[in-house]
Amino acid sequence: MTVVARRTQQQRREATIGRLLSATIDCLAEHGYRETSIGRICARAELSHGGLFRHFASRTALLGAATDEILRRHIESLREMLKAPQDSDDYIEDLVNFCRAATRDRTSAAWREIIVASRTDEELRAAIEPAVRGFEDAVMTVAEKLPQVAMDSREFGTLILSFLHMFDSEASTVVVFETPEIEAYRHRWCVELLRSAFEKSAS
């Protein structure tokens, strides 16, 4: 007979919070900020309102934690991307493609919903500020532990952040209309800029 170990209280708590954060991100991506209600989140996470409020004091607190989770996922993905051998012919192309793809996934759609809402919501803005600041800092320093990235970490981080901001704006408009020629030019421009920066740092 197989004995299944019972999860500890801490493990159950972490699993519940994980379900709530994923449900919040999914709701934001699918329904938008305004329609991401406590009821909708709880239904998706298969939890009661009481189950949610045992972990988060308010909807705003939950959205702040969801923002932190979105940005944690992005940083982890970026770290994995940067582990690829830099001497690969496709490295720079892959990095630019990664930045564009990262801004078009559902977590980034959820991120944009929160950011736009925070412009006129002071409480929400205060709740997400630590996560946003932490993301900016993490991107600026993520290259420090990657010996294959030769250029100055702040220069590298600034380029990556700039690409992400640019592609984030692109992802916001592409749902209305697409501009393939401009998008292709934008891609080439990013590749050339990044290649030039790498060549300069290697010289």
N, C-alpha and C. Protein backbone atom coordinates (compact mmCIF):
# COMPACT_ATOMS: atom_id res chain seq x y z
N MET A 1 0.84 -1.19 0.00
CA MET A 1 0.00 0.00 0.00
C MET A 1 0.89 1.25 0.00
N THR A 2 0.57 2.17 -0.90
CA THR A 2 1.33 3.41 -0.99
C THR A 2 0.83 4.40 0.04
N VAL A 3 1.74 4.93 0.82
CA VAL A 3 1.38 5.92 1.84
C VAL A 3 1.69 7.31 1.28
N VAL A 4 0.67 8.14 1.19
CA VAL A 4 0.84 9.50 0.70
C VAL A 4 1.08 10.44 1.86
N ALA A 5 2.22 11.10 1.85
CA ALA A 5 2.54 12.02 2.94
C ALA A 5 1.59 13.20 2.93
N ARG A 6 1.09 13.54 4.09
CA ARG A 6 0.20 14.69 4.21
C ARG A 6 1.00 15.98 4.13
N ARG A 7 0.43 16.95 3.44
CA ARG A 7 1.11 18.23 3.33
C ARG A 7 1.05 18.97 4.65
N THR A 8 2.11 19.72 4.92
CA THR A 8 2.12 20.53 6.13
C THR A 8 1.20 21.73 5.94
N GLN A 9 0.91 22.39 7.05
CA GLN A 9 0.07 23.59 6.99
C GLN A 9 0.70 24.66 6.11
N GLN A 10 2.03 24.79 6.19
CA GLN A 10 2.72 25.77 5.37
C GLN A 10 2.60 25.42 3.89
N GLN A 11 2.72 24.15 3.55
CA GLN A 11 2.59 23.72 2.16
C GLN A 11 1.18 23.96 1.64
N ARG A 12 0.18 23.70 2.48
CA ARG A 12 -1.21 23.96 2.07
C ARG A 12 -1.44 25.46 1.87
N ARG A 13 -0.86 26.25 2.75
CA ARG A 13 -1.00 27.71 2.63
C ARG A 13 -0.36 28.20 1.33
N GLU A 14 0.84 27.73 1.05
CA GLU A 14 1.53 28.16 -0.17
C GLU A 14 0.77 27.72 -1.42
N ALA A 15 0.19 26.52 -1.37
CA ALA A 15 -0.56 26.03 -2.53
C ALA A 15 -1.81 26.88 -2.75
N THR A 16 -2.47 27.26 -1.67
CA THR A 16 -3.67 28.09 -1.78
C THR A 16 -3.33 29.47 -2.34
N ILE A 17 -2.27 30.06 -1.82
CA ILE A 17 -1.85 31.37 -2.32
C ILE A 17 -1.48 31.27 -3.80
N GLY A 18 -0.79 30.20 -4.18
CA GLY A 18 -0.43 30.01 -5.58
C GLY A 18 -1.65 29.94 -6.48
N ARG A 19 -2.68 29.24 -6.02
CA ARG A 19 -3.92 29.16 -6.80
C ARG A 19 -4.58 30.52 -6.93
N LEU A 20 -4.58 31.29 -5.86
CA LEU A 20 -5.18 32.62 -5.89
C LEU A 20 -4.43 33.56 -6.84
N LEU A 21 -3.11 33.50 -6.79
CA LEU A 21 -2.32 34.37 -7.66
C LEU A 21 -2.50 34.00 -9.13
N SER A 22 -2.48 32.70 -9.42
CA SER A 22 -2.69 32.26 -10.81
C SER A 22 -4.08 32.62 -11.29
N ALA A 23 -5.08 32.46 -10.43
CA ALA A 23 -6.45 32.80 -10.80
C ALA A 23 -6.58 34.30 -11.06
N THR A 24 -5.92 35.11 -10.25
CA THR A 24 -5.97 36.56 -10.43
C THR A 24 -5.33 36.96 -11.75
N ILE A 25 -4.17 36.40 -12.05
CA ILE A 25 -3.48 36.69 -13.30
C ILE A 25 -4.33 36.28 -14.49
N ASP A 26 -4.91 35.09 -14.43
CA ASP A 26 -5.76 34.61 -15.53
C ASP A 26 -6.98 35.51 -15.73
N CYS A 27 -7.61 35.91 -14.63
CA CYS A 27 -8.79 36.77 -14.73
C CYS A 27 -8.44 38.14 -15.32
N LEU A 28 -7.33 38.70 -14.87
CA LEU A 28 -6.89 39.98 -15.42
C LEU A 28 -6.65 39.88 -16.92
N ALA A 29 -5.99 38.80 -17.33
CA ALA A 29 -5.67 38.62 -18.75
C ALA A 29 -6.93 38.41 -19.60
N GLU A 30 -7.89 37.70 -19.06
CA GLU A 30 -9.08 37.34 -19.84
C GLU A 30 -10.21 38.36 -19.73
N HIS A 31 -10.34 38.99 -18.57
CA HIS A 31 -11.52 39.84 -18.33
C HIS A 31 -11.19 41.31 -18.09
N GLY A 32 -9.91 41.62 -17.88
CA GLY A 32 -9.54 43.00 -17.62
C GLY A 32 -9.63 43.35 -16.14
N TYR A 33 -9.06 44.49 -15.80
CA TYR A 33 -8.99 44.90 -14.40
C TYR A 33 -10.36 45.08 -13.78
N ARG A 34 -11.24 45.80 -14.45
CA ARG A 34 -12.54 46.14 -13.88
C ARG A 34 -13.37 44.90 -13.56
N GLU A 35 -13.29 43.89 -14.42
CA GLU A 35 -14.11 42.70 -14.25
C GLU A 35 -13.43 41.61 -13.42
N THR A 36 -12.24 41.89 -12.94
CA THR A 36 -11.55 40.91 -12.08
C THR A 36 -12.00 41.13 -10.65
N SER A 37 -13.13 40.56 -10.33
CA SER A 37 -13.72 40.73 -9.01
C SER A 37 -13.27 39.61 -8.06
N ILE A 38 -13.49 39.84 -6.78
CA ILE A 38 -13.20 38.81 -5.78
C ILE A 38 -13.98 37.53 -6.10
N GLY A 39 -15.23 37.68 -6.49
CA GLY A 39 -16.06 36.52 -6.79
C GLY A 39 -15.50 35.73 -7.96
N ARG A 40 -15.08 36.43 -9.00
CA ARG A 40 -14.56 35.75 -10.18
C ARG A 40 -13.24 35.04 -9.86
N ILE A 41 -12.38 35.69 -9.08
CA ILE A 41 -11.11 35.08 -8.69
C ILE A 41 -11.36 33.83 -7.85
N CYS A 42 -12.25 33.94 -6.88
CA CYS A 42 -12.54 32.79 -6.01
C CYS A 42 -13.13 31.63 -6.80
N ALA A 43 -14.00 31.93 -7.74
CA ALA A 43 -14.59 30.87 -8.56
C ALA A 43 -13.51 30.15 -9.36
N ARG A 44 -12.60 30.91 -9.91
CA ARG A 44 -11.54 30.29 -10.72
C ARG A 44 -10.58 29.49 -9.86
N ALA A 45 -10.28 30.00 -8.66
CA ALA A 45 -9.37 29.30 -7.76
C ALA A 45 -10.06 28.19 -6.98
N GLU A 46 -11.40 28.12 -7.10
CA GLU A 46 -12.21 27.13 -6.38
C GLU A 46 -12.01 27.27 -4.87
N LEU A 47 -12.16 28.53 -4.43
CA LEU A 47 -12.05 28.85 -3.02
C LEU A 47 -13.20 29.77 -2.62
N SER A 48 -13.50 29.79 -1.35
CA SER A 48 -14.53 30.70 -0.84
C SER A 48 -13.93 32.08 -0.63
N HIS A 49 -14.80 33.07 -0.46
CA HIS A 49 -14.32 34.42 -0.14
C HIS A 49 -13.51 34.39 1.15
N GLY A 50 -13.98 33.61 2.12
CA GLY A 50 -13.25 33.50 3.38
C GLY A 50 -11.86 32.93 3.19
N GLY A 51 -11.75 31.97 2.25
CA GLY A 51 -10.45 31.38 1.96
C GLY A 51 -9.49 32.40 1.40
N LEU A 52 -10.02 33.31 0.59
CA LEU A 52 -9.17 34.37 0.03
C LEU A 52 -8.74 35.35 1.12
N PHE A 53 -9.71 35.78 1.92
CA PHE A 53 -9.40 36.83 2.90
C PHE A 53 -8.58 36.31 4.09
N ARG A 54 -8.42 34.99 4.19
CA ARG A 54 -7.49 34.47 5.20
C ARG A 54 -6.04 34.77 4.81
N HIS A 55 -5.82 35.03 3.55
CA HIS A 55 -4.46 35.26 3.07
C HIS A 55 -4.22 36.70 2.60
N PHE A 56 -5.27 37.38 2.16
CA PHE A 56 -5.13 38.73 1.65
C PHE A 56 -6.23 39.61 2.26
N ALA A 57 -5.80 40.76 2.80
CA ALA A 57 -6.74 41.62 3.51
C ALA A 57 -7.73 42.30 2.58
N SER A 58 -7.37 42.44 1.29
CA SER A 58 -8.22 43.17 0.36
C SER A 58 -7.91 42.75 -1.07
N ARG A 59 -8.76 43.16 -1.99
CA ARG A 59 -8.50 42.93 -3.41
C ARG A 59 -7.21 43.61 -3.84
N THR A 60 -6.97 44.81 -3.33
CA THR A 60 -5.76 45.54 -3.68
C THR A 60 -4.52 44.80 -3.22
N ALA A 61 -4.56 44.23 -2.01
CA ALA A 61 -3.42 43.46 -1.51
C ALA A 61 -3.16 42.24 -2.40
N LEU A 62 -4.22 41.60 -2.84
CA LEU A 62 -4.08 40.45 -3.74
C LEU A 62 -3.48 40.88 -5.08
N LEU A 63 -3.92 42.01 -5.60
CA LEU A 63 -3.37 42.50 -6.86
C LEU A 63 -1.89 42.87 -6.73
N GLY A 64 -1.51 43.40 -5.57
CA GLY A 64 -0.10 43.69 -5.33
C GLY A 64 0.73 42.42 -5.34
N ALA A 65 0.21 41.36 -4.70
CA ALA A 65 0.92 40.08 -4.69
C ALA A 65 0.95 39.45 -6.08
N ALA A 66 -0.12 39.62 -6.85
CA ALA A 66 -0.16 39.09 -8.21
C ALA A 66 0.86 39.80 -9.09
N THR A 67 1.02 41.11 -8.88
CA THR A 67 2.02 41.86 -9.63
C THR A 67 3.41 41.34 -9.33
N ASP A 68 3.68 41.08 -8.07
CA ASP A 68 4.97 40.53 -7.67
C ASP A 68 5.21 39.17 -8.33
N GLU A 69 4.17 38.35 -8.40
CA GLU A 69 4.29 37.03 -9.03
C GLU A 69 4.53 37.14 -10.53
N ILE A 70 3.84 38.07 -11.18
CA ILE A 70 4.05 38.28 -12.62
C ILE A 70 5.50 38.63 -12.90
N LEU A 71 6.03 39.56 -12.13
CA LEU A 71 7.38 40.03 -12.37
C LEU A 71 8.40 38.98 -11.96
N ARG A 72 8.10 38.18 -10.94
CA ARG A 72 8.99 37.07 -10.56
C ARG A 72 9.10 36.08 -11.71
N ARG A 73 7.98 35.77 -12.35
CA ARG A 73 8.00 34.84 -13.48
C ARG A 73 8.82 35.39 -14.63
N HIS A 74 8.69 36.67 -14.89
CA HIS A 74 9.45 37.28 -15.99
C HIS A 74 10.95 37.25 -15.72
N ILE A 75 11.34 37.55 -14.49
CA ILE A 75 12.76 37.54 -14.15
C ILE A 75 13.32 36.12 -14.27
N GLU A 76 12.58 35.13 -13.81
CA GLU A 76 13.03 33.75 -13.91
C GLU A 76 13.20 33.33 -15.37
N SER A 77 12.25 33.73 -16.20
CA SER A 77 12.35 33.42 -17.63
C SER A 77 13.56 34.10 -18.25
N LEU A 78 13.81 35.35 -17.85
CA LEU A 78 14.95 36.09 -18.39
C LEU A 78 16.25 35.42 -17.97
N ARG A 79 16.34 34.98 -16.73
CA ARG A 79 17.55 34.30 -16.27
C ARG A 79 17.80 33.04 -17.09
N GLU A 80 16.75 32.28 -17.33
CA GLU A 80 16.91 31.06 -18.13
C GLU A 80 17.36 31.40 -19.55
N MET A 81 16.80 32.44 -20.12
CA MET A 81 17.17 32.85 -21.47
C MET A 81 18.64 33.23 -21.53
N LEU A 82 19.11 33.94 -20.53
CA LEU A 82 20.48 34.45 -20.56
C LEU A 82 21.53 33.38 -20.28
N LYS A 83 21.08 32.19 -19.87
CA LYS A 83 22.02 31.10 -19.65
C LYS A 83 22.49 30.47 -20.95
N ALA A 84 21.82 30.78 -22.05
CA ALA A 84 22.21 30.21 -23.34
C ALA A 84 23.62 30.69 -23.70
N PRO A 85 24.39 29.86 -24.39
CA PRO A 85 25.76 30.27 -24.78
C PRO A 85 25.74 31.52 -25.64
N GLN A 86 26.50 32.52 -25.24
CA GLN A 86 26.51 33.79 -25.96
C GLN A 86 27.16 33.66 -27.33
N ASP A 87 28.01 32.65 -27.51
CA ASP A 87 28.70 32.52 -28.79
C ASP A 87 27.83 31.91 -29.88
N SER A 88 26.60 31.56 -29.51
CA SER A 88 25.68 31.05 -30.51
C SER A 88 25.32 32.15 -31.51
N ASP A 89 25.25 31.79 -32.80
CA ASP A 89 24.90 32.77 -33.83
C ASP A 89 23.50 33.34 -33.61
N ASP A 90 22.66 32.57 -32.95
CA ASP A 90 21.27 32.97 -32.76
C ASP A 90 21.03 33.69 -31.44
N TYR A 91 22.06 33.88 -30.62
CA TYR A 91 21.87 34.39 -29.27
C TYR A 91 21.14 35.73 -29.26
N ILE A 92 21.63 36.68 -30.04
CA ILE A 92 21.04 38.02 -30.03
C ILE A 92 19.63 37.99 -30.62
N GLU A 93 19.44 37.25 -31.71
CA GLU A 93 18.11 37.10 -32.29
C GLU A 93 17.15 36.50 -31.26
N ASP A 94 17.61 35.47 -30.58
CA ASP A 94 16.76 34.80 -29.58
C ASP A 94 16.41 35.73 -28.43
N LEU A 95 17.37 36.56 -28.03
CA LEU A 95 17.12 37.47 -26.92
C LEU A 95 16.08 38.52 -27.29
N VAL A 96 16.17 39.06 -28.50
CA VAL A 96 15.18 40.04 -28.95
C VAL A 96 13.81 39.37 -29.10
N ASN A 97 13.79 38.15 -29.67
CA ASN A 97 12.53 37.42 -29.79
C ASN A 97 11.92 37.14 -28.42
N PHE A 98 12.78 36.83 -27.45
CA PHE A 98 12.30 36.58 -26.09
C PHE A 98 11.62 37.82 -25.53
N CYS A 99 12.25 38.99 -25.69
CA CYS A 99 11.67 40.22 -25.15
C CYS A 99 10.30 40.50 -25.76
N ARG A 100 10.18 40.29 -27.06
CA ARG A 100 8.88 40.51 -27.70
C ARG A 100 7.84 39.49 -27.22
N ALA A 101 8.22 38.23 -27.18
CA ALA A 101 7.28 37.18 -26.76
C ALA A 101 6.85 37.36 -25.31
N ALA A 102 7.80 37.81 -24.47
CA ALA A 102 7.48 37.99 -23.05
C ALA A 102 6.39 39.04 -22.84
N THR A 103 6.33 40.03 -23.72
CA THR A 103 5.33 41.09 -23.56
C THR A 103 3.98 40.71 -24.15
N ARG A 104 3.94 39.57 -24.84
CA ARG A 104 2.68 39.17 -25.48
C ARG A 104 2.01 37.99 -24.80
N ASP A 105 2.59 37.47 -23.73
CA ASP A 105 1.93 36.36 -23.06
C ASP A 105 0.87 36.88 -22.09
N ARG A 106 0.12 35.96 -21.53
CA ARG A 106 -1.03 36.37 -20.71
C ARG A 106 -0.61 37.07 -19.42
N THR A 107 0.57 36.73 -18.88
CA THR A 107 0.99 37.42 -17.67
C THR A 107 1.28 38.89 -17.94
N SER A 108 1.81 39.18 -19.12
CA SER A 108 2.07 40.58 -19.46
C SER A 108 0.77 41.33 -19.72
N ALA A 109 -0.22 40.64 -20.28
CA ALA A 109 -1.53 41.26 -20.45
C ALA A 109 -2.11 41.64 -19.10
N ALA A 110 -1.95 40.77 -18.12
CA ALA A 110 -2.42 41.05 -16.76
C ALA A 110 -1.65 42.23 -16.16
N TRP A 111 -0.35 42.25 -16.40
CA TRP A 111 0.52 43.34 -15.93
C TRP A 111 0.05 44.69 -16.45
N ARG A 112 -0.28 44.74 -17.74
CA ARG A 112 -0.72 46.02 -18.33
C ARG A 112 -2.04 46.47 -17.74
N GLU A 113 -2.93 45.54 -17.46
CA GLU A 113 -4.21 45.90 -16.83
C GLU A 113 -3.97 46.58 -15.48
N ILE A 114 -3.04 46.03 -14.71
CA ILE A 114 -2.76 46.59 -13.38
C ILE A 114 -2.07 47.95 -13.50
N ILE A 115 -1.11 48.05 -14.39
CA ILE A 115 -0.36 49.30 -14.54
C ILE A 115 -1.29 50.45 -14.96
N VAL A 116 -2.14 50.20 -15.94
CA VAL A 116 -3.06 51.25 -16.39
C VAL A 116 -4.00 51.67 -15.27
N ALA A 117 -4.51 50.69 -14.52
CA ALA A 117 -5.43 51.01 -13.43
C ALA A 117 -4.73 51.81 -12.33
N SER A 118 -3.45 51.54 -12.11
CA SER A 118 -2.73 52.22 -11.03
C SER A 118 -2.52 53.71 -11.30
N ARG A 119 -2.65 54.11 -12.55
CA ARG A 119 -2.45 55.52 -12.87
C ARG A 119 -3.42 56.41 -12.12
N THR A 120 -4.65 55.94 -11.90
CA THR A 120 -5.67 56.75 -11.22
C THR A 120 -6.09 56.16 -9.88
N ASP A 121 -5.37 55.15 -9.42
CA ASP A 121 -5.72 54.50 -8.16
C ASP A 121 -4.50 54.55 -7.24
N GLU A 122 -4.50 55.49 -6.33
CA GLU A 122 -3.33 55.70 -5.47
C GLU A 122 -3.04 54.49 -4.59
N GLU A 123 -4.09 53.85 -4.07
CA GLU A 123 -3.90 52.69 -3.21
C GLU A 123 -3.25 51.54 -3.98
N LEU A 124 -3.74 51.31 -5.18
CA LEU A 124 -3.16 50.25 -6.01
C LEU A 124 -1.72 50.59 -6.38
N ARG A 125 -1.48 51.85 -6.69
CA ARG A 125 -0.12 52.28 -7.06
C ARG A 125 0.85 52.01 -5.92
N ALA A 126 0.43 52.28 -4.70
CA ALA A 126 1.29 52.03 -3.55
C ALA A 126 1.51 50.53 -3.33
N ALA A 127 0.48 49.74 -3.65
CA ALA A 127 0.58 48.29 -3.46
C ALA A 127 1.53 47.62 -4.43
N ILE A 128 1.61 48.14 -5.65
CA ILE A 128 2.45 47.48 -6.66
C ILE A 128 3.84 48.11 -6.78
N GLU A 129 4.04 49.27 -6.16
CA GLU A 129 5.32 49.96 -6.31
C GLU A 129 6.53 49.11 -5.92
N PRO A 130 6.49 48.37 -4.80
CA PRO A 130 7.66 47.54 -4.45
C PRO A 130 7.98 46.50 -5.52
N ALA A 131 6.95 45.88 -6.09
CA ALA A 131 7.18 44.86 -7.11
C ALA A 131 7.78 45.48 -8.37
N VAL A 132 7.24 46.61 -8.79
CA VAL A 132 7.74 47.27 -10.00
C VAL A 132 9.18 47.73 -9.80
N ARG A 133 9.45 48.32 -8.65
CA ARG A 133 10.82 48.76 -8.36
C ARG A 133 11.76 47.57 -8.32
N GLY A 134 11.30 46.48 -7.70
CA GLY A 134 12.13 45.28 -7.61
C GLY A 134 12.43 44.69 -8.98
N PHE A 135 11.45 44.75 -9.87
CA PHE A 135 11.66 44.23 -11.23
C PHE A 135 12.70 45.06 -11.96
N GLU A 136 12.58 46.36 -11.88
CA GLU A 136 13.54 47.24 -12.54
C GLU A 136 14.95 46.96 -12.01
N ASP A 137 15.07 46.83 -10.70
CA ASP A 137 16.38 46.56 -10.10
C ASP A 137 16.92 45.21 -10.54
N ALA A 138 16.04 44.20 -10.59
CA ALA A 138 16.47 42.85 -10.96
C ALA A 138 16.96 42.79 -12.39
N VAL A 139 16.26 43.45 -13.30
CA VAL A 139 16.68 43.46 -14.70
C VAL A 139 18.03 44.18 -14.83
N MET A 140 18.21 45.25 -14.07
CA MET A 140 19.44 46.00 -14.16
C MET A 140 20.65 45.23 -13.63
N THR A 141 20.42 44.22 -12.80
CA THR A 141 21.54 43.49 -12.20
C THR A 141 21.58 42.01 -12.59
N VAL A 142 20.63 41.55 -13.39
CA VAL A 142 20.55 40.12 -13.67
C VAL A 142 21.77 39.59 -14.40
N ALA A 143 22.50 40.43 -15.11
CA ALA A 143 23.68 39.99 -15.86
C ALA A 143 24.92 39.83 -14.99
N GLU A 144 24.89 40.32 -13.77
CA GLU A 144 26.09 40.33 -12.95
C GLU A 144 26.64 38.93 -12.68
N LYS A 145 25.75 37.94 -12.56
CA LYS A 145 26.18 36.58 -12.26
C LYS A 145 26.29 35.72 -13.51
N LEU A 146 26.25 36.35 -14.66
CA LEU A 146 26.31 35.62 -15.92
C LEU A 146 27.61 35.99 -16.63
N PRO A 147 28.64 35.17 -16.45
CA PRO A 147 29.96 35.54 -17.00
C PRO A 147 29.99 35.63 -18.52
N GLN A 148 29.01 34.99 -19.21
CA GLN A 148 29.04 35.06 -20.66
C GLN A 148 28.56 36.40 -21.19
N VAL A 149 27.93 37.22 -20.34
CA VAL A 149 27.52 38.56 -20.76
C VAL A 149 28.63 39.53 -20.39
N ALA A 150 29.38 39.93 -21.40
CA ALA A 150 30.61 40.68 -21.14
C ALA A 150 30.37 42.16 -20.88
N MET A 151 29.32 42.72 -21.43
CA MET A 151 29.16 44.17 -21.32
C MET A 151 28.75 44.58 -19.91
N ASP A 152 28.94 45.84 -19.61
CA ASP A 152 28.57 46.40 -18.32
C ASP A 152 27.12 46.05 -18.00
N SER A 153 26.87 45.55 -16.79
CA SER A 153 25.54 45.05 -16.44
C SER A 153 24.46 46.13 -16.51
N ARG A 154 24.82 47.37 -16.18
CA ARG A 154 23.82 48.44 -16.24
C ARG A 154 23.48 48.80 -17.68
N GLU A 155 24.47 48.77 -18.54
CA GLU A 155 24.19 49.02 -19.95
C GLU A 155 23.31 47.91 -20.52
N PHE A 156 23.66 46.68 -20.18
CA PHE A 156 22.89 45.54 -20.65
C PHE A 156 21.46 45.59 -20.12
N GLY A 157 21.33 45.87 -18.81
CA GLY A 157 20.01 45.95 -18.20
C GLY A 157 19.16 47.05 -18.79
N THR A 158 19.80 48.18 -19.08
CA THR A 158 19.06 49.29 -19.69
C THR A 158 18.54 48.92 -21.07
N LEU A 159 19.35 48.22 -21.85
CA LEU A 159 18.90 47.78 -23.18
C LEU A 159 17.72 46.83 -23.06
N ILE A 160 17.83 45.85 -22.18
CA ILE A 160 16.74 44.87 -22.02
C ILE A 160 15.47 45.56 -21.54
N LEU A 161 15.60 46.43 -20.55
CA LEU A 161 14.43 47.16 -20.06
C LEU A 161 13.80 48.00 -21.17
N SER A 162 14.64 48.63 -21.97
CA SER A 162 14.13 49.47 -23.06
C SER A 162 13.39 48.62 -24.09
N PHE A 163 13.93 47.46 -24.41
CA PHE A 163 13.26 46.56 -25.34
C PHE A 163 11.91 46.12 -24.78
N LEU A 164 11.90 45.76 -23.50
CA LEU A 164 10.65 45.31 -22.88
C LEU A 164 9.60 46.40 -22.87
N HIS A 165 10.00 47.62 -22.54
CA HIS A 165 9.05 48.74 -22.54
C HIS A 165 8.51 49.00 -23.95
N MET A 166 9.38 48.96 -24.92
CA MET A 166 8.96 49.20 -26.30
C MET A 166 8.00 48.11 -26.79
N PHE A 167 8.37 46.85 -26.55
CA PHE A 167 7.53 45.75 -27.00
C PHE A 167 6.23 45.67 -26.20
N ASP A 168 6.27 46.17 -24.95
CA ASP A 168 5.05 46.21 -24.16
C ASP A 168 4.04 47.16 -24.80
N SER A 169 4.52 48.31 -25.26
CA SER A 169 3.65 49.25 -25.96
C SER A 169 3.14 48.64 -27.26
N GLU A 170 4.01 47.95 -27.97
CA GLU A 170 3.60 47.29 -29.20
C GLU A 170 2.50 46.26 -28.94
N ALA A 171 2.66 45.49 -27.85
CA ALA A 171 1.68 44.46 -27.53
C ALA A 171 0.31 45.06 -27.19
N SER A 172 0.32 46.31 -26.70
CA SER A 172 -0.95 46.97 -26.38
C SER A 172 -1.72 47.38 -27.62
N THR A 173 -0.99 47.71 -28.69
CA THR A 173 -1.66 48.18 -29.91
C THR A 173 -1.91 47.07 -30.93
N VAL A 174 -1.14 46.00 -30.84
CA VAL A 174 -1.27 44.95 -31.86
C VAL A 174 -2.63 44.26 -31.78
N VAL A 175 -3.30 44.34 -30.62
CA VAL A 175 -4.63 43.74 -30.52
C VAL A 175 -5.67 44.56 -31.30
N VAL A 176 -5.34 45.81 -31.62
CA VAL A 176 -6.24 46.66 -32.40
C VAL A 176 -5.93 46.56 -33.88
N PHE A 177 -4.65 46.72 -34.23
CA PHE A 177 -4.23 46.54 -35.62
C PHE A 177 -2.75 46.18 -35.65
N GLU A 178 -2.37 45.40 -36.65
CA GLU A 178 -0.99 44.95 -36.77
C GLU A 178 -0.25 45.77 -37.83
N THR A 179 1.04 45.94 -37.60
CA THR A 179 1.90 46.66 -38.54
C THR A 179 3.13 45.79 -38.80
N PRO A 180 2.99 44.74 -39.59
CA PRO A 180 4.09 43.77 -39.77
C PRO A 180 5.40 44.40 -40.23
N GLU A 181 5.33 45.36 -41.16
CA GLU A 181 6.56 45.96 -41.67
C GLU A 181 7.30 46.73 -40.57
N ILE A 182 6.54 47.49 -39.79
CA ILE A 182 7.15 48.25 -38.70
C ILE A 182 7.70 47.30 -37.64
N GLU A 183 6.96 46.23 -37.35
CA GLU A 183 7.41 45.26 -36.36
C GLU A 183 8.70 44.59 -36.81
N ALA A 184 8.81 44.28 -38.10
CA ALA A 184 10.03 43.66 -38.63
C ALA A 184 11.20 44.63 -38.54
N TYR A 185 10.95 45.89 -38.88
CA TYR A 185 12.01 46.90 -38.78
C TYR A 185 12.44 47.07 -37.33
N ARG A 186 11.48 47.08 -36.43
CA ARG A 186 11.77 47.24 -35.01
C ARG A 186 12.65 46.09 -34.52
N HIS A 187 12.34 44.89 -34.97
CA HIS A 187 13.14 43.73 -34.59
C HIS A 187 14.58 43.89 -35.09
N ARG A 188 14.75 44.26 -36.34
CA ARG A 188 16.10 44.43 -36.90
C ARG A 188 16.86 45.51 -36.15
N TRP A 189 16.19 46.59 -35.83
CA TRP A 189 16.82 47.69 -35.09
C TRP A 189 17.33 47.21 -33.73
N CYS A 190 16.53 46.42 -33.02
CA CYS A 190 16.93 45.91 -31.71
C CYS A 190 18.13 44.97 -31.84
N VAL A 191 18.09 44.10 -32.85
CA VAL A 191 19.20 43.17 -33.07
C VAL A 191 20.49 43.94 -33.36
N GLU A 192 20.41 44.93 -34.23
CA GLU A 192 21.60 45.72 -34.58
C GLU A 192 22.13 46.50 -33.38
N LEU A 193 21.21 47.05 -32.60
CA LEU A 193 21.63 47.81 -31.42
C LEU A 193 22.33 46.92 -30.40
N LEU A 194 21.75 45.76 -30.15
CA LEU A 194 22.32 44.83 -29.18
C LEU A 194 23.64 44.26 -29.68
N ARG A 195 23.71 43.92 -30.96
CA ARG A 195 24.96 43.39 -31.53
C ARG A 195 26.07 44.45 -31.43
N SER A 196 25.74 45.68 -31.73
CA SER A 196 26.71 46.76 -31.64
C SER A 196 27.23 46.92 -30.22
N ALA A 197 26.33 46.80 -29.24
CA ALA A 197 26.72 46.95 -27.84
C ALA A 197 27.64 45.80 -27.41
N PHE A 198 27.34 44.58 -27.86
CA PHE A 198 28.19 43.43 -27.54
C PHE A 198 29.56 43.58 -28.19
N GLU A 199 29.59 44.02 -29.44
CA GLU A 199 30.87 44.18 -30.14
C GLU A 199 31.73 45.26 -29.48
N LYS A 200 31.08 46.33 -29.05
CA LYS A 200 31.81 47.41 -28.38
C LYS A 200 32.41 46.92 -27.07
N SER A 201 31.63 46.12 -26.31
CA SER A 201 32.12 45.64 -25.02
C SER A 201 33.25 44.63 -25.17
N ALA A 202 33.27 43.91 -26.33
CA ALA A 202 34.30 42.90 -26.55
C ALA A 202 35.59 43.50 -27.07
N SER A 203 35.54 44.73 -27.58
CA SER A 203 36.73 45.34 -28.19
C SER A 203 37.64 45.97 -27.13
